[in-house]
Amino acid sequence: MVADSHRVKKPGETRMATRAPGSPTLPSDFHQFFTHPGENTMQRGYALVTGAIGGLGTAITKRLIAAGIPVIGTDRRGTDLESWRHEALDEAEQRQFSFVPLDVTKEEHIDQLAAQLRAENKPIAYLINNAGIQGNAKPWDLSSKDWHRVIAVNLHGTFYMTRAFSKDMVDRGFGRVVNFASMYAYHPGEGQSPYAAAKAGITGYTRSVALDLAKYGVTVNTIAPGMIWHERLRGVLPDQVFEDMIGRVPAGRAGRPDEIAGAVGFFCSEESSYVTGQTLHVNGGLYLPG
C-alpha cells in the first residue's frame, strides 16, 4: 500500500501536508527567519565598476545597464574616454553611464569619491572591483616596485573600495560586492607570482568579508576568470603563446568578456541572494576545483 503522504493528488484536490512521527513542530512565527525582498534587487541603486574602460569593464558595464542599473565607471585612463564611450556604448547606454577618473591605489581619492556620491544621494548598491594589472617576471628579475604595484592595484584596491562603500550597504541593508580573482590563484602560470599572490589574497579577503557582512543583507563573491580574450591581451601575449595556452583549455577556445559579465550579472541578481563568500570559476574547464 502506498503511504498517504506519497499518494498522487487528484486534479483540484487539496491535502494537508503530513508530519513524520517525531519531527519537530515549527513555531508559528517561523516565517520571520526567511527574507522575501519586496523589490527587484537590480534596481536598488547605482553600480560602481572599477577598470570600466575596455576589456572586461566594457562588457560588465553594458550587462549592468541592460539590467536597469545605472553605472558609475572608474578608470585611471581618462584620455580616451570620449572615443571609448561612443564606440562601446549606444545612446541609451550613454545616458545611464557616468565616469570618474580614479586610481584605486589612492585610498584618499576613494574616500573622497564615496563622500561625494553620498552627498549627491547616489547610493552604491553594486560594487564591482574589476580593476587589475598583471606582471610578468621570473622571481630573480622581479623588482620590489613591480611587486608592490601589482599587489597595490589588485589587492589593496579591492580593500580600499570595499572599505569605502560597504558601510553604506550595511546601513541600507542591501549590497552586492563582486571581486575578481584569477585562475592563476589556483593554477600557476610562469612569471605570474605577484599576480597570483594578489589574487589568492582576494579570495581569502572575500570569504572573510562575506562572513562579516552576511547578516546585513550584503553578499560578497569572487569571479576567477580563465583565458578571456580582449584587446589588451594583444600587447601582453604573443599570438603563438596565446594559441598554445588555448590549446590546453578543454572547451577549446578562449572565453568572451560577455561571459564574465554574465557571471557579474548573476551575483548582482536576486537569484544569488543566498550565495556569498564563493568563488565562481569561469575558465572553460582549464581549472576544475575538487
Protein backbone atom coordinates (compact mmCIF):
# COMPACT_ATOMS: atom_id res chain seq x y z
CA MET A 1 0.00 0.00 0.00
CA VAL A 2 1.27 3.48 -0.88
CA ALA A 3 1.52 5.80 2.12
CA ASP A 4 -0.92 8.72 2.03
CA SER A 5 1.93 11.23 2.11
CA HIS A 6 3.14 9.85 -1.24
CA ARG A 7 -0.29 9.47 -2.90
CA VAL A 8 -0.71 11.41 -6.12
CA LYS A 9 -3.34 14.13 -5.72
CA LYS A 10 -6.35 14.19 -7.99
CA PRO A 11 -6.93 17.33 -10.08
CA GLY A 12 -8.37 20.09 -7.89
CA GLU A 13 -7.72 18.17 -4.67
CA THR A 14 -6.08 19.91 -1.74
CA ARG A 15 -4.47 17.97 1.02
CA MET A 16 -2.78 18.98 4.25
CA ALA A 17 0.86 18.01 4.49
CA THR A 18 1.54 15.25 6.96
CA ARG A 19 4.27 15.40 9.56
CA ALA A 20 6.51 12.43 10.15
CA PRO A 21 6.28 10.94 13.65
CA GLY A 22 8.76 12.57 15.99
CA SER A 23 9.54 15.52 13.71
CA PRO A 24 9.77 18.93 15.41
CA THR A 25 6.84 21.30 15.31
CA LEU A 26 7.65 24.60 13.61
CA PRO A 27 6.93 27.74 15.63
CA SER A 28 4.01 29.82 14.41
CA ASP A 29 6.32 32.74 13.61
CA PHE A 30 8.89 30.69 11.70
CA HIS A 31 8.40 32.84 8.58
CA GLN A 32 10.42 35.58 10.26
CA PHE A 33 13.53 33.54 9.53
CA PHE A 34 13.02 33.89 5.77
CA THR A 35 13.64 37.03 3.77
CA HIS A 36 11.33 37.93 0.91
CA PRO A 37 12.71 41.06 -0.77
CA GLY A 38 9.95 43.42 -1.79
CA GLU A 39 11.70 44.90 -4.81
CA ASN A 40 13.91 43.87 -7.67
CA THR A 41 17.49 43.85 -6.43
CA MET A 42 18.61 45.07 -9.83
CA GLN A 43 17.03 48.47 -9.05
CA ARG A 44 18.40 49.22 -5.58
CA GLY A 45 20.92 51.89 -6.54
CA TYR A 46 23.98 52.51 -8.64
CA ALA A 47 26.75 50.16 -9.71
CA LEU A 48 30.35 51.28 -9.31
CA VAL A 49 32.66 49.48 -11.74
CA THR A 50 36.42 49.95 -11.45
CA GLY A 51 38.55 49.41 -14.53
CA ALA A 52 35.50 50.25 -16.62
CA ILE A 53 37.19 51.32 -19.86
CA GLY A 54 37.87 48.47 -22.27
CA GLY A 55 38.19 44.73 -21.85
CA LEU A 56 36.03 43.18 -19.18
CA GLY A 57 34.97 46.57 -17.85
CA THR A 58 33.06 47.42 -21.02
CA ALA A 59 31.17 44.12 -21.03
CA ILE A 60 30.34 44.43 -17.33
CA THR A 61 29.12 48.00 -17.78
CA LYS A 62 26.84 47.03 -20.67
CA ARG A 63 25.48 43.99 -18.79
CA LEU A 64 24.52 46.01 -15.72
CA ILE A 65 22.96 48.82 -17.75
CA ALA A 66 20.92 46.22 -19.63
CA ALA A 67 19.64 45.03 -16.24
CA GLY A 68 18.43 48.53 -15.43
CA ILE A 69 21.30 49.58 -13.18
CA PRO A 70 22.90 52.99 -13.79
CA VAL A 71 26.68 52.62 -13.81
CA ILE A 72 29.41 54.87 -12.48
CA GLY A 73 32.62 53.74 -14.12
CA THR A 74 36.14 54.48 -12.93
CA ASP A 75 39.50 54.02 -14.56
CA ARG A 76 42.96 55.51 -14.35
CA ARG A 77 42.81 56.17 -18.08
CA GLY A 78 40.66 59.16 -18.88
CA THR A 79 42.33 60.43 -22.04
CA ASP A 80 40.47 58.10 -24.43
CA LEU A 81 37.17 58.29 -22.56
CA GLU A 82 35.08 60.01 -25.23
CA SER A 83 36.20 57.75 -28.06
CA TRP A 84 35.58 54.69 -25.88
CA ARG A 85 32.17 55.97 -24.78
CA HIS A 86 30.95 56.46 -28.36
CA GLU A 87 32.44 53.21 -29.64
CA ALA A 88 31.39 50.97 -26.76
CA LEU A 89 28.02 52.37 -25.67
CA ASP A 90 24.91 53.22 -27.64
CA GLU A 91 22.96 56.41 -26.92
CA ALA A 92 20.63 54.78 -24.40
CA GLU A 93 23.57 53.22 -22.55
CA GLN A 94 25.46 56.50 -22.50
CA ARG A 95 22.56 58.13 -20.64
CA GLN A 96 22.93 55.51 -17.89
CA PHE A 97 26.71 55.85 -17.58
CA SER A 98 28.90 58.40 -15.87
CA PHE A 99 32.67 58.37 -15.49
CA VAL A 100 35.02 59.33 -12.67
CA PRO A 101 38.82 59.13 -13.11
CA LEU A 102 40.20 57.11 -10.22
CA ASP A 103 43.38 55.33 -9.22
CA VAL A 104 42.33 52.51 -6.90
CA THR A 105 45.68 52.63 -5.12
CA LYS A 106 44.90 56.13 -3.80
CA GLU A 107 42.78 55.49 -0.74
CA GLU A 108 42.21 59.18 -0.01
CA HIS A 109 40.72 59.66 -3.50
CA ILE A 110 38.45 56.67 -2.99
CA ASP A 111 37.21 58.04 0.32
CA GLN A 112 36.57 61.41 -1.34
CA LEU A 113 34.54 59.73 -4.08
CA ALA A 114 32.47 57.84 -1.51
CA ALA A 115 31.73 61.08 0.34
CA GLN A 116 30.82 62.86 -2.91
CA LEU A 117 28.39 60.14 -4.01
CA ARG A 118 26.87 60.09 -0.55
CA ALA A 119 26.31 63.85 -0.70
CA GLU A 120 24.74 63.53 -4.16
CA ASN A 121 22.39 60.80 -2.90
CA LYS A 122 23.78 58.22 -5.31
CA PRO A 123 23.86 55.02 -3.25
CA ILE A 124 26.25 52.34 -4.45
CA ALA A 125 24.39 49.06 -4.21
CA TYR A 126 26.70 47.08 -6.50
CA LEU A 127 30.47 47.33 -6.19
CA ILE A 128 32.42 45.61 -8.96
CA ASN A 129 36.14 45.52 -8.14
CA ASN A 130 37.34 44.82 -11.66
CA ALA A 131 40.49 46.97 -11.84
CA GLY A 132 43.65 44.91 -12.09
CA ILE A 133 47.09 44.67 -13.63
CA GLN A 134 49.48 41.80 -14.31
CA GLY A 135 53.24 41.50 -14.16
CA ASN A 136 55.47 39.07 -15.98
CA ALA A 137 58.87 38.34 -14.46
CA LYS A 138 60.87 35.50 -13.02
CA PRO A 139 61.37 35.65 -9.24
CA TRP A 140 65.01 36.73 -9.56
CA ASP A 141 64.13 39.51 -12.03
CA LEU A 142 61.09 40.84 -10.19
CA SER A 143 61.68 44.30 -8.77
CA SER A 144 60.18 45.45 -5.50
CA LYS A 145 58.49 48.27 -7.38
CA ASP A 146 56.72 45.90 -9.78
CA TRP A 147 55.74 43.55 -6.94
CA HIS A 148 54.22 46.34 -4.87
CA ARG A 149 52.42 47.84 -7.87
CA VAL A 150 50.64 44.58 -8.73
CA ILE A 151 49.70 43.98 -5.09
CA ALA A 152 48.55 47.59 -4.67
CA VAL A 153 46.20 47.67 -7.67
CA ASN A 154 44.72 44.20 -7.29
CA LEU A 155 44.61 43.52 -3.55
CA HIS A 156 44.87 46.91 -1.86
CA GLY A 157 42.49 48.46 -4.38
CA THR A 158 39.86 45.84 -3.61
CA PHE A 159 40.29 46.51 0.10
CA TYR A 160 40.12 50.32 -0.23
CA MET A 161 36.99 50.21 -2.38
CA THR A 162 35.20 47.71 -0.17
CA ARG A 163 36.05 49.65 2.96
CA ALA A 164 34.76 52.89 1.46
CA PHE A 165 31.38 51.58 0.30
CA SER A 166 30.45 48.57 2.45
CA LYS A 167 29.27 50.53 5.50
CA ASP A 168 26.64 52.35 3.44
CA MET A 169 25.45 48.99 2.13
CA VAL A 170 25.18 47.72 5.69
CA ASP A 171 23.20 50.80 6.73
CA ARG A 172 20.74 50.27 3.85
CA GLY A 173 20.50 46.53 4.44
CA PHE A 174 21.46 45.60 0.89
CA GLY A 175 24.58 45.32 -1.21
CA ARG A 176 26.44 43.23 -3.74
CA VAL A 177 30.22 43.17 -3.87
CA VAL A 178 31.87 41.30 -6.74
CA ASN A 179 35.63 40.86 -6.59
CA PHE A 180 37.98 39.46 -9.19
CA ALA A 181 40.46 36.70 -8.56
CA SER A 182 42.07 34.69 -11.34
CA MET A 183 42.72 31.17 -12.47
CA TYR A 184 46.36 31.94 -11.60
CA ALA A 185 45.47 31.96 -7.92
CA TYR A 186 44.74 28.23 -8.30
CA HIS A 187 46.53 27.13 -11.49
CA PRO A 188 50.05 28.66 -11.57
CA GLY A 189 51.45 30.44 -14.59
CA GLU A 190 55.11 31.24 -15.24
CA GLY A 191 56.17 34.73 -14.31
CA GLN A 192 52.90 35.47 -12.51
CA SER A 193 53.95 35.27 -8.86
CA PRO A 194 52.84 38.79 -7.77
CA TYR A 195 49.57 38.49 -9.67
CA ALA A 196 48.88 35.04 -8.25
CA ALA A 197 49.68 36.25 -4.73
CA ALA A 198 47.37 39.25 -5.08
CA LYS A 199 44.50 37.22 -6.50
CA ALA A 200 44.88 34.49 -3.87
CA GLY A 201 44.72 37.24 -1.28
CA ILE A 202 41.47 38.48 -2.80
CA THR A 203 39.84 35.07 -2.44
CA GLY A 204 40.72 34.93 1.26
CA TYR A 205 39.65 38.53 1.78
CA THR A 206 36.34 37.84 0.04
CA ARG A 207 35.48 34.93 2.31
CA SER A 208 36.27 36.88 5.46
CA VAL A 209 34.33 39.99 4.42
CA ALA A 210 31.40 37.84 3.28
CA LEU A 211 31.21 36.43 6.79
CA ASP A 212 31.27 39.92 8.30
CA LEU A 213 28.52 41.30 6.05
CA ALA A 214 26.17 38.34 5.53
CA LYS A 215 23.75 39.24 8.32
CA TYR A 216 23.30 42.74 6.90
CA GLY A 217 21.95 41.66 3.52
CA VAL A 218 25.27 42.21 1.74
CA THR A 219 26.81 39.43 -0.34
CA VAL A 220 30.48 39.30 -1.32
CA ASN A 221 31.67 36.93 -4.03
CA THR A 222 34.59 36.42 -6.37
CA ILE A 223 34.88 35.57 -10.04
CA ALA A 224 38.03 33.76 -11.17
CA PRO A 225 38.35 34.11 -14.96
CA GLY A 226 40.48 31.83 -17.06
CA MET A 227 41.74 32.71 -20.55
CA ILE A 228 39.47 35.57 -21.62
CA TRP A 229 40.19 37.27 -24.92
CA HIS A 230 40.14 41.06 -25.06
CA GLU A 231 42.12 43.69 -26.89
CA ARG A 232 44.54 44.41 -24.06
CA LEU A 233 45.99 40.91 -24.40
CA ARG A 234 47.41 41.82 -27.80
CA GLY A 235 50.08 43.86 -26.10
CA VAL A 236 50.81 41.29 -23.40
CA LEU A 237 50.96 37.87 -25.06
CA PRO A 238 52.44 36.93 -28.44
CA ASP A 239 49.83 35.26 -30.66
CA GLN A 240 51.62 31.90 -30.59
CA VAL A 241 51.84 31.89 -26.80
CA PHE A 242 48.14 32.65 -26.55
CA GLU A 243 47.29 29.91 -29.06
CA ASP A 244 49.37 27.40 -27.09
CA MET A 245 47.51 28.32 -23.92
CA ILE A 246 44.14 27.98 -25.61
CA GLY A 247 45.17 24.51 -26.76
CA ARG A 248 45.12 23.41 -23.11
CA VAL A 249 41.56 24.63 -22.48
CA PRO A 250 39.07 21.72 -22.54
CA ALA A 251 36.42 23.98 -24.08
CA GLY A 252 38.80 24.55 -26.99
CA ARG A 253 38.54 28.33 -27.04
CA ALA A 254 39.12 31.50 -25.08
CA GLY A 255 36.31 32.94 -23.05
CA ARG A 256 34.47 36.10 -24.04
CA PRO A 257 34.16 39.23 -21.89
CA ASP A 258 30.37 38.95 -22.02
CA GLU A 259 30.62 35.52 -20.36
CA ILE A 260 32.39 37.13 -17.41
CA ALA A 261 29.83 39.93 -17.44
CA GLY A 262 27.09 37.31 -17.21
CA ALA A 263 28.67 35.98 -14.02
CA VAL A 264 28.72 39.52 -12.62
CA GLY A 265 25.06 39.89 -13.53
CA PHE A 266 24.25 36.70 -11.64
CA PHE A 267 25.99 37.88 -8.47
CA CYS A 268 24.07 41.17 -8.68
CA SER A 269 20.70 39.49 -9.16
CA GLU A 270 18.09 38.17 -6.77
CA GLU A 271 18.94 34.63 -7.89
CA SER A 272 22.23 34.90 -5.97
CA SER A 273 20.81 36.39 -2.76
CA TYR A 274 21.73 33.26 -0.77
CA VAL A 275 25.21 32.96 -2.30
CA THR A 276 28.08 34.65 -0.50
CA GLY A 277 31.77 34.04 0.12
CA GLN A 278 32.04 31.94 -3.02
CA THR A 279 34.40 31.86 -5.99
CA LEU A 280 32.91 31.20 -9.41
CA HIS A 281 35.45 29.75 -11.84
CA VAL A 282 34.81 30.80 -15.45
CA ASN A 283 37.60 29.10 -17.38
CA GLY A 284 36.26 26.59 -19.90
CA GLY A 285 37.33 23.69 -17.70
CA LEU A 286 41.03 24.60 -17.58
CA TYR A 287 40.94 24.51 -13.79
CA LEU A 288 38.45 22.19 -12.09
CA PRO A 289 38.37 22.62 -8.30
CA GLY A 290 37.83 19.40 -6.36
